[in-house]
Amino acid sequence: MATKKQKRITELKNRKKKKGTQKLILAIIGLAVVGFLIFFFVTLFNVIYPPIGGRTDQKGSKEKQSVVLYFSDANERFLVSEKRLIPKMGSPVQQAEEIVRALLDGSKTGKVNTFPPEVALKSAKIEANSTIFVSFSKNLVQDHPGGSASEMATVYSLTNSLTANIPEIKAVKILIEGQEVDSLKGHISLKQPFSFNREYLAQDVKGQ
């Protein structure tokens, strides 16, 4: 049997072991609290004092390019220009896609949009003859208001926006879901490609 002295020694060892374990646990908790506080205050500081230039994501950090987009005037008779900054892309077809998306996104200065809401760009391809084939979702036809003025606005806002900003593009062919269609609503034939149309520009735009 263990003597009283041995029992006391064992008890002291157990107490020291418990104290050591408690200290380790407290140290871990303390480090976790300190780490959390550092993370919290760094995050709070970045929110209150964001880096110069503001927050940037992968898309926002790309170099920007200034382009001229064309929308309708209030009477939908002529096209009026609107400058926009869009991501600068590495190839003409990628740049064309960004321009089309900007058109579909609509005017930011109160001009009349030339595409129905929710229309999506399906694809774009530039052929050897400098004609770009731009394919849209079928609701471009389904949701288009129709009328010769509205159809002309859609066709030439797209055509002028692409040909004015991308030298490699001389003509624009509109497709729906990758297929050729006769027209949007029966007024303007889409069988042939379209080129830049200066006559459809508002007078103040022609002089630019």
N, C-alpha and C. Protein backbone atom coordinates (compact mmCIF):
# COMPACT_ATOMS: atom_id res chain seq x y z
N MET A 1 0.84 -1.20 0.00
CA MET A 1 0.00 0.00 0.00
C MET A 1 0.87 1.25 0.00
N ALA A 2 0.38 2.28 -0.67
CA ALA A 2 1.14 3.52 -0.76
C ALA A 2 1.12 4.25 0.57
N THR A 3 2.23 4.81 0.91
CA THR A 3 2.32 5.58 2.15
C THR A 3 1.67 6.93 1.96
N LYS A 4 1.45 7.64 3.07
CA LYS A 4 0.84 8.97 3.01
C LYS A 4 1.71 9.91 2.19
N LYS A 5 3.03 9.75 2.33
CA LYS A 5 3.95 10.62 1.60
C LYS A 5 3.82 10.41 0.10
N GLN A 6 3.73 9.15 -0.30
CA GLN A 6 3.59 8.85 -1.73
C GLN A 6 2.26 9.38 -2.27
N LYS A 7 1.21 9.24 -1.46
CA LYS A 7 -0.10 9.76 -1.88
C LYS A 7 -0.04 11.27 -2.08
N ARG A 8 0.65 11.93 -1.12
CA ARG A 8 0.75 13.38 -1.22
C ARG A 8 1.52 13.80 -2.47
N ILE A 9 2.60 13.06 -2.75
CA ILE A 9 3.40 13.36 -3.95
C ILE A 9 2.56 13.17 -5.21
N THR A 10 1.79 12.08 -5.22
CA THR A 10 0.92 11.79 -6.38
C THR A 10 -0.12 12.88 -6.56
N GLU A 11 -0.72 13.32 -5.43
CA GLU A 11 -1.72 14.37 -5.49
C GLU A 11 -1.12 15.67 -6.02
N LEU A 12 0.10 15.99 -5.55
CA LEU A 12 0.77 17.20 -6.01
C LEU A 12 1.05 17.14 -7.51
N LYS A 13 1.47 15.97 -7.98
CA LYS A 13 1.73 15.80 -9.41
C LYS A 13 0.45 15.98 -10.22
N ASN A 14 -0.65 15.40 -9.71
CA ASN A 14 -1.93 15.51 -10.42
C ASN A 14 -2.41 16.96 -10.48
N ARG A 15 -2.20 17.67 -9.33
CA ARG A 15 -2.59 19.08 -9.29
C ARG A 15 -1.79 19.90 -10.30
N LYS A 16 -0.46 19.64 -10.33
CA LYS A 16 0.39 20.36 -11.28
C LYS A 16 -0.02 20.05 -12.72
N LYS A 17 -0.37 18.78 -12.94
CA LYS A 17 -0.78 18.38 -14.29
C LYS A 17 -2.07 19.08 -14.69
N LYS A 18 -3.02 19.15 -13.74
CA LYS A 18 -4.28 19.83 -14.01
C LYS A 18 -4.06 21.31 -14.27
N LYS A 19 -3.18 21.92 -13.42
CA LYS A 19 -2.89 23.34 -13.60
C LYS A 19 -2.24 23.59 -14.96
N GLY A 20 -1.33 22.68 -15.35
CA GLY A 20 -0.68 22.82 -16.65
C GLY A 20 -1.69 22.73 -17.79
N THR A 21 -2.62 21.78 -17.65
CA THR A 21 -3.65 21.62 -18.68
C THR A 21 -4.55 22.85 -18.74
N GLN A 22 -4.92 23.35 -17.56
CA GLN A 22 -5.76 24.54 -17.50
C GLN A 22 -5.06 25.75 -18.13
N LYS A 23 -3.77 25.89 -17.83
CA LYS A 23 -3.01 26.99 -18.41
C LYS A 23 -2.95 26.88 -19.93
N LEU A 24 -2.77 25.65 -20.43
CA LEU A 24 -2.71 25.44 -21.87
C LEU A 24 -4.04 25.80 -22.53
N ILE A 25 -5.13 25.37 -21.89
CA ILE A 25 -6.46 25.67 -22.42
C ILE A 25 -6.71 27.18 -22.43
N LEU A 26 -6.33 27.83 -21.31
CA LEU A 26 -6.51 29.28 -21.22
C LEU A 26 -5.66 30.00 -22.27
N ALA A 27 -4.44 29.48 -22.51
CA ALA A 27 -3.57 30.10 -23.51
C ALA A 27 -4.17 29.97 -24.90
N ILE A 28 -4.72 28.79 -25.20
CA ILE A 28 -5.36 28.58 -26.51
C ILE A 28 -6.56 29.50 -26.68
N ILE A 29 -7.38 29.58 -25.62
CA ILE A 29 -8.55 30.47 -25.67
C ILE A 29 -8.11 31.92 -25.85
N GLY A 30 -7.06 32.30 -25.11
CA GLY A 30 -6.55 33.67 -25.22
C GLY A 30 -6.07 33.99 -26.62
N LEU A 31 -5.32 33.06 -27.23
CA LEU A 31 -4.84 33.27 -28.60
C LEU A 31 -6.00 33.38 -29.58
N ALA A 32 -7.02 32.53 -29.37
CA ALA A 32 -8.18 32.57 -30.25
C ALA A 32 -8.90 33.91 -30.15
N VAL A 33 -9.04 34.40 -28.91
CA VAL A 33 -9.71 35.69 -28.70
C VAL A 33 -8.90 36.82 -29.34
N VAL A 34 -7.58 36.79 -29.14
CA VAL A 34 -6.72 37.83 -29.73
C VAL A 34 -6.80 37.79 -31.25
N GLY A 35 -6.76 36.57 -31.81
CA GLY A 35 -6.84 36.43 -33.26
C GLY A 35 -8.16 36.96 -33.80
N PHE A 36 -9.24 36.65 -33.09
CA PHE A 36 -10.56 37.13 -33.51
C PHE A 36 -10.62 38.65 -33.46
N LEU A 37 -10.09 39.23 -32.37
CA LEU A 37 -10.12 40.68 -32.24
C LEU A 37 -9.30 41.36 -33.33
N ILE A 38 -8.14 40.78 -33.66
CA ILE A 38 -7.32 41.35 -34.73
C ILE A 38 -8.07 41.30 -36.06
N PHE A 39 -8.66 40.14 -36.35
CA PHE A 39 -9.43 39.99 -37.59
C PHE A 39 -10.60 40.97 -37.63
N PHE A 40 -11.29 41.11 -36.49
CA PHE A 40 -12.45 41.99 -36.42
C PHE A 40 -12.07 43.44 -36.68
N PHE A 41 -11.01 43.90 -36.02
CA PHE A 41 -10.63 45.30 -36.15
C PHE A 41 -10.01 45.60 -37.52
N VAL A 42 -9.28 44.64 -38.09
CA VAL A 42 -8.74 44.84 -39.44
C VAL A 42 -9.87 44.93 -40.45
N THR A 43 -10.86 44.04 -40.31
CA THR A 43 -12.02 44.08 -41.21
C THR A 43 -12.79 45.38 -41.05
N LEU A 44 -12.99 45.78 -39.80
CA LEU A 44 -13.71 47.03 -39.53
C LEU A 44 -12.96 48.22 -40.10
N PHE A 45 -11.65 48.22 -39.97
CA PHE A 45 -10.84 49.33 -40.50
C PHE A 45 -10.96 49.40 -42.02
N ASN A 46 -10.93 48.22 -42.68
CA ASN A 46 -11.03 48.21 -44.15
C ASN A 46 -12.40 48.67 -44.63
N VAL A 47 -13.42 48.39 -43.81
CA VAL A 47 -14.77 48.84 -44.18
C VAL A 47 -14.88 50.36 -44.04
N ILE A 48 -14.35 50.88 -42.93
CA ILE A 48 -14.44 52.32 -42.68
C ILE A 48 -13.48 53.10 -43.57
N TYR A 49 -12.28 52.56 -43.75
CA TYR A 49 -11.27 53.23 -44.58
C TYR A 49 -10.83 52.28 -45.70
N PRO A 50 -11.65 52.15 -46.75
CA PRO A 50 -11.30 51.24 -47.84
C PRO A 50 -10.02 51.67 -48.53
N PRO A 51 -9.33 50.74 -49.20
CA PRO A 51 -8.10 51.09 -49.92
C PRO A 51 -8.37 52.15 -50.97
N ILE A 52 -7.34 52.91 -51.31
CA ILE A 52 -7.48 53.95 -52.34
C ILE A 52 -7.95 53.30 -53.63
N GLY A 53 -8.97 53.90 -54.24
CA GLY A 53 -9.53 53.32 -55.45
C GLY A 53 -10.75 52.49 -55.16
N GLY A 54 -11.07 52.30 -53.86
CA GLY A 54 -12.27 51.55 -53.51
C GLY A 54 -12.05 50.07 -53.59
N ARG A 55 -13.13 49.33 -53.33
CA ARG A 55 -13.06 47.89 -53.38
C ARG A 55 -12.98 47.44 -54.83
N THR A 56 -12.21 46.43 -55.10
CA THR A 56 -12.09 45.91 -56.45
C THR A 56 -12.26 44.42 -56.42
N ASP A 57 -13.03 43.90 -57.36
CA ASP A 57 -13.11 42.46 -57.54
C ASP A 57 -12.35 42.11 -58.81
N GLN A 58 -12.42 40.86 -59.20
CA GLN A 58 -11.64 40.43 -60.35
C GLN A 58 -12.05 41.18 -61.61
N LYS A 59 -13.37 41.37 -61.76
CA LYS A 59 -13.84 42.08 -62.94
C LYS A 59 -13.53 43.56 -62.85
N GLY A 60 -13.72 44.14 -61.63
CA GLY A 60 -13.51 45.56 -61.47
C GLY A 60 -12.06 45.97 -61.59
N SER A 61 -11.14 45.03 -61.40
CA SER A 61 -9.73 45.37 -61.45
C SER A 61 -9.20 45.41 -62.88
N LYS A 62 -10.02 44.99 -63.86
CA LYS A 62 -9.57 45.01 -65.25
C LYS A 62 -9.45 46.44 -65.75
N GLU A 63 -8.57 46.60 -66.73
CA GLU A 63 -8.42 47.90 -67.38
C GLU A 63 -9.71 48.25 -68.10
N LYS A 64 -10.09 49.51 -68.04
CA LYS A 64 -11.34 49.96 -68.66
C LYS A 64 -11.08 50.62 -70.01
N GLN A 65 -12.09 50.57 -70.85
CA GLN A 65 -12.02 51.22 -72.16
C GLN A 65 -13.28 52.05 -72.36
N SER A 66 -13.10 53.26 -72.85
CA SER A 66 -14.23 54.14 -73.13
C SER A 66 -14.81 53.81 -74.50
N VAL A 67 -16.11 53.59 -74.56
CA VAL A 67 -16.78 53.31 -75.83
C VAL A 67 -18.00 54.22 -75.96
N VAL A 68 -18.49 54.30 -77.19
CA VAL A 68 -19.70 55.07 -77.47
C VAL A 68 -20.82 54.10 -77.82
N LEU A 69 -21.88 54.13 -77.04
CA LEU A 69 -23.05 53.30 -77.30
C LEU A 69 -24.16 54.18 -77.89
N TYR A 70 -25.04 53.54 -78.65
CA TYR A 70 -26.12 54.29 -79.28
C TYR A 70 -27.47 53.77 -78.80
N PHE A 71 -28.28 54.71 -78.31
CA PHE A 71 -29.64 54.42 -77.88
C PHE A 71 -30.60 55.33 -78.65
N SER A 72 -31.89 55.16 -78.42
CA SER A 72 -32.88 55.99 -79.12
C SER A 72 -33.11 57.30 -78.39
N ASP A 73 -33.51 58.30 -79.18
CA ASP A 73 -33.97 59.54 -78.55
C ASP A 73 -35.39 59.33 -78.04
N ALA A 74 -35.96 60.35 -77.44
CA ALA A 74 -37.27 60.22 -76.80
C ALA A 74 -38.37 59.85 -77.78
N ASN A 75 -38.21 60.26 -79.05
CA ASN A 75 -39.24 59.97 -80.06
C ASN A 75 -38.96 58.69 -80.84
N GLU A 76 -37.84 58.02 -80.52
CA GLU A 76 -37.43 56.80 -81.22
C GLU A 76 -37.29 57.03 -82.72
N ARG A 77 -36.83 58.22 -83.08
CA ARG A 77 -36.61 58.53 -84.50
C ARG A 77 -35.14 58.48 -84.87
N PHE A 78 -34.28 58.85 -83.92
CA PHE A 78 -32.85 58.90 -84.20
C PHE A 78 -32.07 58.25 -83.05
N LEU A 79 -30.81 57.98 -83.34
CA LEU A 79 -29.92 57.43 -82.32
C LEU A 79 -29.11 58.54 -81.68
N VAL A 80 -28.95 58.44 -80.38
CA VAL A 80 -28.13 59.39 -79.63
C VAL A 80 -27.05 58.61 -78.90
N SER A 81 -25.91 59.24 -78.73
CA SER A 81 -24.75 58.53 -78.18
C SER A 81 -24.68 58.64 -76.66
N GLU A 82 -24.02 57.67 -76.08
CA GLU A 82 -23.77 57.66 -74.64
C GLU A 82 -22.42 57.01 -74.40
N LYS A 83 -21.53 57.73 -73.73
CA LYS A 83 -20.21 57.18 -73.44
C LYS A 83 -20.30 56.25 -72.23
N ARG A 84 -19.53 55.17 -72.30
CA ARG A 84 -19.56 54.18 -71.23
C ARG A 84 -18.17 53.58 -71.05
N LEU A 85 -17.80 53.30 -69.83
CA LEU A 85 -16.57 52.57 -69.54
C LEU A 85 -16.90 51.10 -69.38
N ILE A 86 -16.24 50.27 -70.16
CA ILE A 86 -16.45 48.82 -70.07
C ILE A 86 -15.09 48.14 -69.94
N PRO A 87 -15.05 46.90 -69.48
CA PRO A 87 -13.76 46.20 -69.37
C PRO A 87 -13.07 46.09 -70.73
N LYS A 88 -11.77 46.33 -70.74
CA LYS A 88 -10.99 46.20 -71.97
C LYS A 88 -10.59 44.74 -72.13
N MET A 89 -10.97 44.15 -73.25
CA MET A 89 -10.75 42.73 -73.46
C MET A 89 -9.60 42.50 -74.44
N GLY A 90 -9.19 41.24 -74.54
CA GLY A 90 -8.00 40.91 -75.31
C GLY A 90 -8.21 40.69 -76.79
N SER A 91 -9.46 40.52 -77.22
CA SER A 91 -9.72 40.26 -78.63
C SER A 91 -10.93 41.06 -79.09
N PRO A 92 -11.04 41.32 -80.39
CA PRO A 92 -12.19 42.08 -80.90
C PRO A 92 -13.54 41.44 -80.58
N VAL A 93 -13.62 40.11 -80.67
CA VAL A 93 -14.91 39.47 -80.41
C VAL A 93 -15.28 39.57 -78.93
N GLN A 94 -14.31 39.47 -78.04
CA GLN A 94 -14.59 39.64 -76.62
C GLN A 94 -15.00 41.07 -76.32
N GLN A 95 -14.35 42.03 -76.99
CA GLN A 95 -14.73 43.43 -76.80
C GLN A 95 -16.13 43.67 -77.32
N ALA A 96 -16.46 43.03 -78.44
CA ALA A 96 -17.81 43.15 -79.00
C ALA A 96 -18.85 42.61 -78.03
N GLU A 97 -18.55 41.51 -77.38
CA GLU A 97 -19.49 40.93 -76.41
C GLU A 97 -19.74 41.89 -75.26
N GLU A 98 -18.68 42.57 -74.80
CA GLU A 98 -18.85 43.54 -73.72
C GLU A 98 -19.73 44.72 -74.16
N ILE A 99 -19.55 45.16 -75.40
CA ILE A 99 -20.37 46.26 -75.92
C ILE A 99 -21.83 45.84 -76.01
N VAL A 100 -22.07 44.63 -76.50
CA VAL A 100 -23.45 44.14 -76.61
C VAL A 100 -24.08 44.03 -75.22
N ARG A 101 -23.34 43.52 -74.27
CA ARG A 101 -23.88 43.41 -72.90
C ARG A 101 -24.21 44.80 -72.33
N ALA A 102 -23.36 45.77 -72.64
CA ALA A 102 -23.62 47.13 -72.17
C ALA A 102 -24.90 47.69 -72.80
N LEU A 103 -25.10 47.39 -74.08
CA LEU A 103 -26.34 47.81 -74.75
C LEU A 103 -27.56 47.16 -74.10
N LEU A 104 -27.45 45.86 -73.85
CA LEU A 104 -28.56 45.14 -73.24
C LEU A 104 -28.83 45.63 -71.83
N ASP A 105 -27.79 46.11 -71.17
CA ASP A 105 -27.95 46.64 -69.81
C ASP A 105 -28.73 47.94 -69.80
N GLY A 106 -28.77 48.61 -70.94
CA GLY A 106 -29.59 49.81 -71.07
C GLY A 106 -28.84 51.10 -70.79
N SER A 107 -29.49 52.19 -71.14
CA SER A 107 -28.91 53.52 -70.96
C SER A 107 -28.79 53.86 -69.47
N LYS A 108 -27.73 54.57 -69.13
CA LYS A 108 -27.52 55.04 -67.77
C LYS A 108 -27.81 56.53 -67.64
N THR A 109 -28.22 57.16 -68.74
CA THR A 109 -28.46 58.61 -68.72
C THR A 109 -29.87 58.97 -69.19
N GLY A 110 -30.78 58.03 -69.11
CA GLY A 110 -32.17 58.34 -69.42
C GLY A 110 -32.58 58.23 -70.86
N LYS A 111 -31.71 57.71 -71.71
CA LYS A 111 -32.09 57.54 -73.11
C LYS A 111 -32.97 56.30 -73.26
N VAL A 112 -33.60 56.17 -74.42
CA VAL A 112 -34.55 55.07 -74.64
C VAL A 112 -33.80 53.81 -75.05
N ASN A 113 -34.01 52.74 -74.31
CA ASN A 113 -33.35 51.47 -74.62
C ASN A 113 -33.91 50.88 -75.91
N THR A 114 -33.06 50.19 -76.64
CA THR A 114 -33.45 49.66 -77.94
C THR A 114 -33.66 48.15 -77.94
N PHE A 115 -33.44 47.52 -76.80
CA PHE A 115 -33.67 46.08 -76.66
C PHE A 115 -34.66 45.84 -75.53
N PRO A 116 -35.54 44.86 -75.69
CA PRO A 116 -36.46 44.52 -74.59
C PRO A 116 -35.68 44.03 -73.37
N PRO A 117 -36.27 44.14 -72.19
CA PRO A 117 -35.62 43.63 -70.98
C PRO A 117 -35.42 42.11 -71.06
N GLU A 118 -34.41 41.65 -70.37
CA GLU A 118 -34.14 40.21 -70.22
C GLU A 118 -33.61 39.53 -71.48
N VAL A 119 -33.35 40.28 -72.54
CA VAL A 119 -32.73 39.67 -73.73
C VAL A 119 -31.29 39.32 -73.39
N ALA A 120 -30.85 38.14 -73.83
CA ALA A 120 -29.50 37.67 -73.50
C ALA A 120 -28.67 37.50 -74.77
N LEU A 121 -27.40 37.80 -74.64
CA LEU A 121 -26.45 37.52 -75.71
C LEU A 121 -26.10 36.04 -75.66
N LYS A 122 -26.27 35.35 -76.77
CA LYS A 122 -25.97 33.91 -76.82
C LYS A 122 -24.56 33.64 -77.34
N SER A 123 -24.15 34.37 -78.38
CA SER A 123 -22.82 34.16 -78.93
C SER A 123 -22.47 35.30 -79.88
N ALA A 124 -21.18 35.39 -80.19
CA ALA A 124 -20.71 36.37 -81.17
C ALA A 124 -19.50 35.77 -81.89
N LYS A 125 -19.45 36.00 -83.20
CA LYS A 125 -18.35 35.45 -84.00
C LYS A 125 -18.05 36.38 -85.15
N ILE A 126 -16.77 36.72 -85.32
CA ILE A 126 -16.36 37.58 -86.42
C ILE A 126 -15.82 36.72 -87.55
N GLU A 127 -16.41 36.88 -88.73
CA GLU A 127 -15.97 36.12 -89.90
C GLU A 127 -14.82 36.84 -90.61
N ALA A 128 -14.23 36.17 -91.58
CA ALA A 128 -13.06 36.70 -92.28
C ALA A 128 -13.37 37.99 -93.04
N ASN A 129 -14.63 38.19 -93.41
CA ASN A 129 -15.00 39.40 -94.16
C ASN A 129 -15.35 40.57 -93.25
N SER A 130 -14.95 40.48 -91.98
CA SER A 130 -15.17 41.55 -90.99
C SER A 130 -16.63 41.72 -90.61
N THR A 131 -17.43 40.69 -90.85
CA THR A 131 -18.82 40.71 -90.41
C THR A 131 -18.93 39.93 -89.10
N ILE A 132 -19.58 40.53 -88.13
CA ILE A 132 -19.80 39.84 -86.86
C ILE A 132 -21.22 39.28 -86.83
N PHE A 133 -21.33 38.03 -86.46
CA PHE A 133 -22.63 37.38 -86.31
C PHE A 133 -22.96 37.38 -84.81
N VAL A 134 -24.01 38.09 -84.46
CA VAL A 134 -24.40 38.23 -83.06
C VAL A 134 -25.72 37.51 -82.84
N SER A 135 -25.70 36.53 -81.95
CA SER A 135 -26.90 35.73 -81.69
C SER A 135 -27.51 36.12 -80.34
N PHE A 136 -28.83 36.32 -80.36
CA PHE A 136 -29.56 36.69 -79.15
C PHE A 136 -30.57 35.61 -78.77
N SER A 137 -31.05 35.70 -77.55
CA SER A 137 -32.10 34.78 -77.10
C SER A 137 -33.40 35.08 -77.84
N LYS A 138 -34.28 34.10 -77.89
CA LYS A 138 -35.50 34.20 -78.69
C LYS A 138 -36.46 35.29 -78.21
N ASN A 139 -36.31 35.72 -76.95
CA ASN A 139 -37.24 36.76 -76.49
C ASN A 139 -36.96 38.13 -77.09
N LEU A 140 -35.86 38.26 -77.84
CA LEU A 140 -35.68 39.50 -78.60
C LEU A 140 -36.82 39.64 -79.61
N VAL A 141 -37.21 38.54 -80.22
CA VAL A 141 -38.33 38.55 -81.16
C VAL A 141 -39.66 38.55 -80.41
N GLN A 142 -39.76 37.70 -79.41
CA GLN A 142 -41.03 37.54 -78.69
C GLN A 142 -41.47 38.82 -77.98
N ASP A 143 -40.51 39.52 -77.38
CA ASP A 143 -40.86 40.68 -76.55
C ASP A 143 -40.64 42.02 -77.25
N HIS A 144 -40.20 41.99 -78.50
CA HIS A 144 -39.95 43.26 -79.20
C HIS A 144 -41.27 43.97 -79.48
N PRO A 145 -41.33 45.29 -79.28
CA PRO A 145 -42.59 46.01 -79.49
C PRO A 145 -43.00 46.10 -80.95
N GLY A 146 -42.06 45.91 -81.87
CA GLY A 146 -42.40 45.97 -83.29
C GLY A 146 -42.52 47.40 -83.79
N GLY A 147 -42.85 47.51 -85.07
CA GLY A 147 -42.92 48.82 -85.70
C GLY A 147 -41.59 49.12 -86.37
N SER A 148 -41.65 49.77 -87.52
CA SER A 148 -40.43 50.01 -88.29
C SER A 148 -39.42 50.85 -87.51
N ALA A 149 -39.89 51.86 -86.77
CA ALA A 149 -38.98 52.73 -86.02
C ALA A 149 -38.25 51.95 -84.92
N SER A 150 -38.99 51.14 -84.19
CA SER A 150 -38.38 50.37 -83.09
C SER A 150 -37.41 49.32 -83.62
N GLU A 151 -37.78 48.69 -84.73
CA GLU A 151 -36.89 47.68 -85.30
C GLU A 151 -35.62 48.31 -85.84
N MET A 152 -35.75 49.46 -86.49
CA MET A 152 -34.57 50.18 -86.98
C MET A 152 -33.68 50.59 -85.82
N ALA A 153 -34.29 51.03 -84.73
CA ALA A 153 -33.52 51.45 -83.57
C ALA A 153 -32.70 50.29 -83.01
N THR A 154 -33.32 49.12 -82.91
CA THR A 154 -32.61 47.95 -82.41
C THR A 154 -31.45 47.57 -83.32
N VAL A 155 -31.74 47.51 -84.61
CA VAL A 155 -30.73 47.09 -85.58
C VAL A 155 -29.54 48.04 -85.60
N TYR A 156 -29.82 49.33 -85.66
CA TYR A 156 -28.71 50.27 -85.84
C TYR A 156 -28.07 50.73 -84.54
N SER A 157 -28.75 50.59 -83.42
CA SER A 157 -28.05 50.85 -82.16
C SER A 157 -26.97 49.79 -81.97
N LEU A 158 -27.29 48.56 -82.32
CA LEU A 158 -26.31 47.47 -82.24
C LEU A 158 -25.21 47.65 -83.29
N THR A 159 -25.62 47.86 -84.53
CA THR A 159 -24.65 47.97 -85.62
C THR A 159 -23.70 49.15 -85.42
N ASN A 160 -24.24 50.31 -85.14
CA ASN A 160 -23.39 51.49 -84.97
C ASN A 160 -22.49 51.38 -83.75
N SER A 161 -23.00 50.79 -82.67
CA SER A 161 -22.19 50.65 -81.45
C SER A 161 -20.99 49.73 -81.70
N LEU A 162 -21.20 48.67 -82.46
CA LEU A 162 -20.10 47.73 -82.72
C LEU A 162 -19.12 48.27 -83.75
N THR A 163 -19.62 48.78 -84.86
CA THR A 163 -18.73 49.23 -85.92
C THR A 163 -17.98 50.52 -85.56
N ALA A 164 -18.57 51.34 -84.71
CA ALA A 164 -17.92 52.60 -84.33
C ALA A 164 -16.77 52.38 -83.35
N ASN A 165 -16.83 51.30 -82.60
CA ASN A 165 -15.84 51.08 -81.54
C ASN A 165 -14.80 50.02 -81.86
N ILE A 166 -15.09 49.16 -82.81
CA ILE A 166 -14.16 48.06 -83.12
C ILE A 166 -13.81 48.10 -84.60
N PRO A 167 -12.60 48.54 -84.95
CA PRO A 167 -12.21 48.68 -86.36
C PRO A 167 -12.30 47.37 -87.15
N GLU A 168 -12.13 46.25 -86.47
CA GLU A 168 -12.16 44.96 -87.16
C GLU A 168 -13.56 44.57 -87.62
N ILE A 169 -14.58 45.29 -87.16
CA ILE A 169 -15.96 44.96 -87.52
C ILE A 169 -16.49 46.01 -88.50
N LYS A 170 -16.91 45.54 -89.66
CA LYS A 170 -17.45 46.43 -90.69
C LYS A 170 -18.95 46.24 -90.89
N ALA A 171 -19.47 45.09 -90.50
CA ALA A 171 -20.89 44.81 -90.69
C ALA A 171 -21.38 43.89 -89.58
N VAL A 172 -22.70 43.92 -89.35
CA VAL A 172 -23.30 43.16 -88.24
C VAL A 172 -24.47 42.34 -88.77
N LYS A 173 -24.47 41.06 -88.44
CA LYS A 173 -25.57 40.16 -88.81
C LYS A 173 -26.23 39.67 -87.53
N ILE A 174 -27.55 39.85 -87.45
CA ILE A 174 -28.30 39.48 -86.25
C ILE A 174 -28.89 38.08 -86.41
N LEU A 175 -28.67 37.24 -85.42
CA LEU A 175 -29.23 35.89 -85.38
C LEU A 175 -30.07 35.74 -84.11
N ILE A 176 -30.98 34.78 -84.15
CA ILE A 176 -31.78 34.45 -82.98
C ILE A 176 -31.54 32.98 -82.64
N GLU A 177 -31.01 32.74 -81.45
CA GLU A 177 -30.66 31.38 -81.02
C GLU A 177 -29.77 30.68 -82.06
N GLY A 178 -28.87 31.47 -82.66
CA GLY A 178 -27.92 30.92 -83.62
C GLY A 178 -28.47 30.73 -85.02
N GLN A 179 -29.73 31.10 -85.23
CA GLN A 179 -30.37 30.88 -86.53
C GLN A 179 -30.75 32.20 -87.18
N GLU A 180 -30.72 32.21 -88.51
CA GLU A 180 -31.16 33.39 -89.25
C GLU A 180 -32.68 33.49 -89.20
N VAL A 181 -33.19 34.71 -89.05
CA VAL A 181 -34.63 34.95 -89.06
C VAL A 181 -34.94 36.03 -90.10
N ASP A 182 -36.19 36.07 -90.53
CA ASP A 182 -36.57 37.05 -91.55
C ASP A 182 -36.53 38.47 -91.00
N SER A 183 -37.07 38.67 -89.81
CA SER A 183 -37.14 40.01 -89.22
C SER A 183 -37.47 39.87 -87.74
N LEU A 184 -37.50 41.00 -87.06
CA LEU A 184 -37.90 40.98 -85.65
C LEU A 184 -39.42 40.93 -85.52
N LYS A 185 -40.10 41.81 -86.26
CA LYS A 185 -41.56 41.84 -86.22
C LYS A 185 -42.17 42.13 -87.59
N GLY A 186 -41.42 41.81 -88.65
CA GLY A 186 -42.00 41.92 -89.98
C GLY A 186 -41.74 43.20 -90.74
N HIS A 187 -40.93 44.12 -90.19
CA HIS A 187 -40.72 45.39 -90.87
C HIS A 187 -39.34 45.53 -91.50
N ILE A 188 -38.29 45.14 -90.79
CA ILE A 188 -36.92 45.29 -91.28
C ILE A 188 -36.33 43.90 -91.51
N SER A 189 -35.93 43.62 -92.73
CA SER A 189 -35.36 42.31 -93.05
C SER A 189 -34.01 42.13 -92.37
N LEU A 190 -33.82 40.96 -91.78
CA LEU A 190 -32.55 40.63 -91.13
C LEU A 190 -31.74 39.63 -91.96
N LYS A 191 -32.10 39.49 -93.23
CA LYS A 191 -31.41 38.52 -94.08
C LYS A 191 -29.99 38.95 -94.41
N GLN A 192 -29.75 40.26 -94.42
CA GLN A 192 -28.43 40.77 -94.81
C GLN A 192 -27.75 41.45 -93.61
N PRO A 193 -26.42 41.52 -93.65
CA PRO A 193 -25.70 42.26 -92.60
C PRO A 193 -25.95 43.76 -92.74
N PHE A 194 -25.74 44.48 -91.65
CA PHE A 194 -25.93 45.93 -91.63
C PHE A 194 -24.59 46.62 -91.37
N SER A 195 -24.43 47.79 -91.99
CA SER A 195 -23.22 48.59 -91.80
C SER A 195 -23.58 49.88 -91.05
N PHE A 196 -22.54 50.59 -90.62
CA PHE A 196 -22.75 51.84 -89.88
C PHE A 196 -23.65 52.78 -90.67
N ASN A 197 -24.65 53.34 -89.98
CA ASN A 197 -25.63 54.22 -90.63
C ASN A 197 -25.57 55.60 -90.00
N ARG A 198 -24.91 56.53 -90.67
CA ARG A 198 -24.78 57.89 -90.15
C ARG A 198 -26.09 58.66 -90.27
N GLU A 199 -26.91 58.32 -91.27
CA GLU A 199 -28.15 59.05 -91.49
C GLU A 199 -29.15 58.85 -90.36
N TYR A 200 -28.98 57.79 -89.60
CA TYR A 200 -29.92 57.50 -88.52
C TYR A 200 -29.52 58.17 -87.21
N LEU A 201 -28.39 58.90 -87.23
CA LEU A 201 -27.93 59.57 -86.02
C LEU A 201 -28.61 60.92 -85.86
N ALA A 202 -28.82 61.32 -84.62
CA ALA A 202 -29.35 62.66 -84.35
C ALA A 202 -28.34 63.70 -84.84
N GLN A 203 -28.81 64.90 -85.13
CA GLN A 203 -27.97 65.93 -85.72
C GLN A 203 -26.75 66.25 -84.86
N ASP A 204 -26.94 66.32 -83.54
CA ASP A 204 -25.81 66.65 -82.68
C ASP A 204 -24.78 65.54 -82.65
N VAL A 205 -25.21 64.30 -82.91
CA VAL A 205 -24.28 63.17 -82.93
C VAL A 205 -23.53 63.14 -84.25
N LYS A 206 -24.18 63.50 -85.35
CA LYS A 206 -23.52 63.50 -86.65
C LYS A 206 -22.30 64.40 -86.67
N GLY A 207 -22.37 65.48 -85.93
CA GLY A 207 -21.27 66.44 -85.95
C GLY A 207 -20.09 66.04 -85.10
N GLN A 208 -20.21 64.94 -84.35
CA GLN A 208 -19.12 64.52 -83.46
C GLN A 208 -18.04 63.79 -84.24
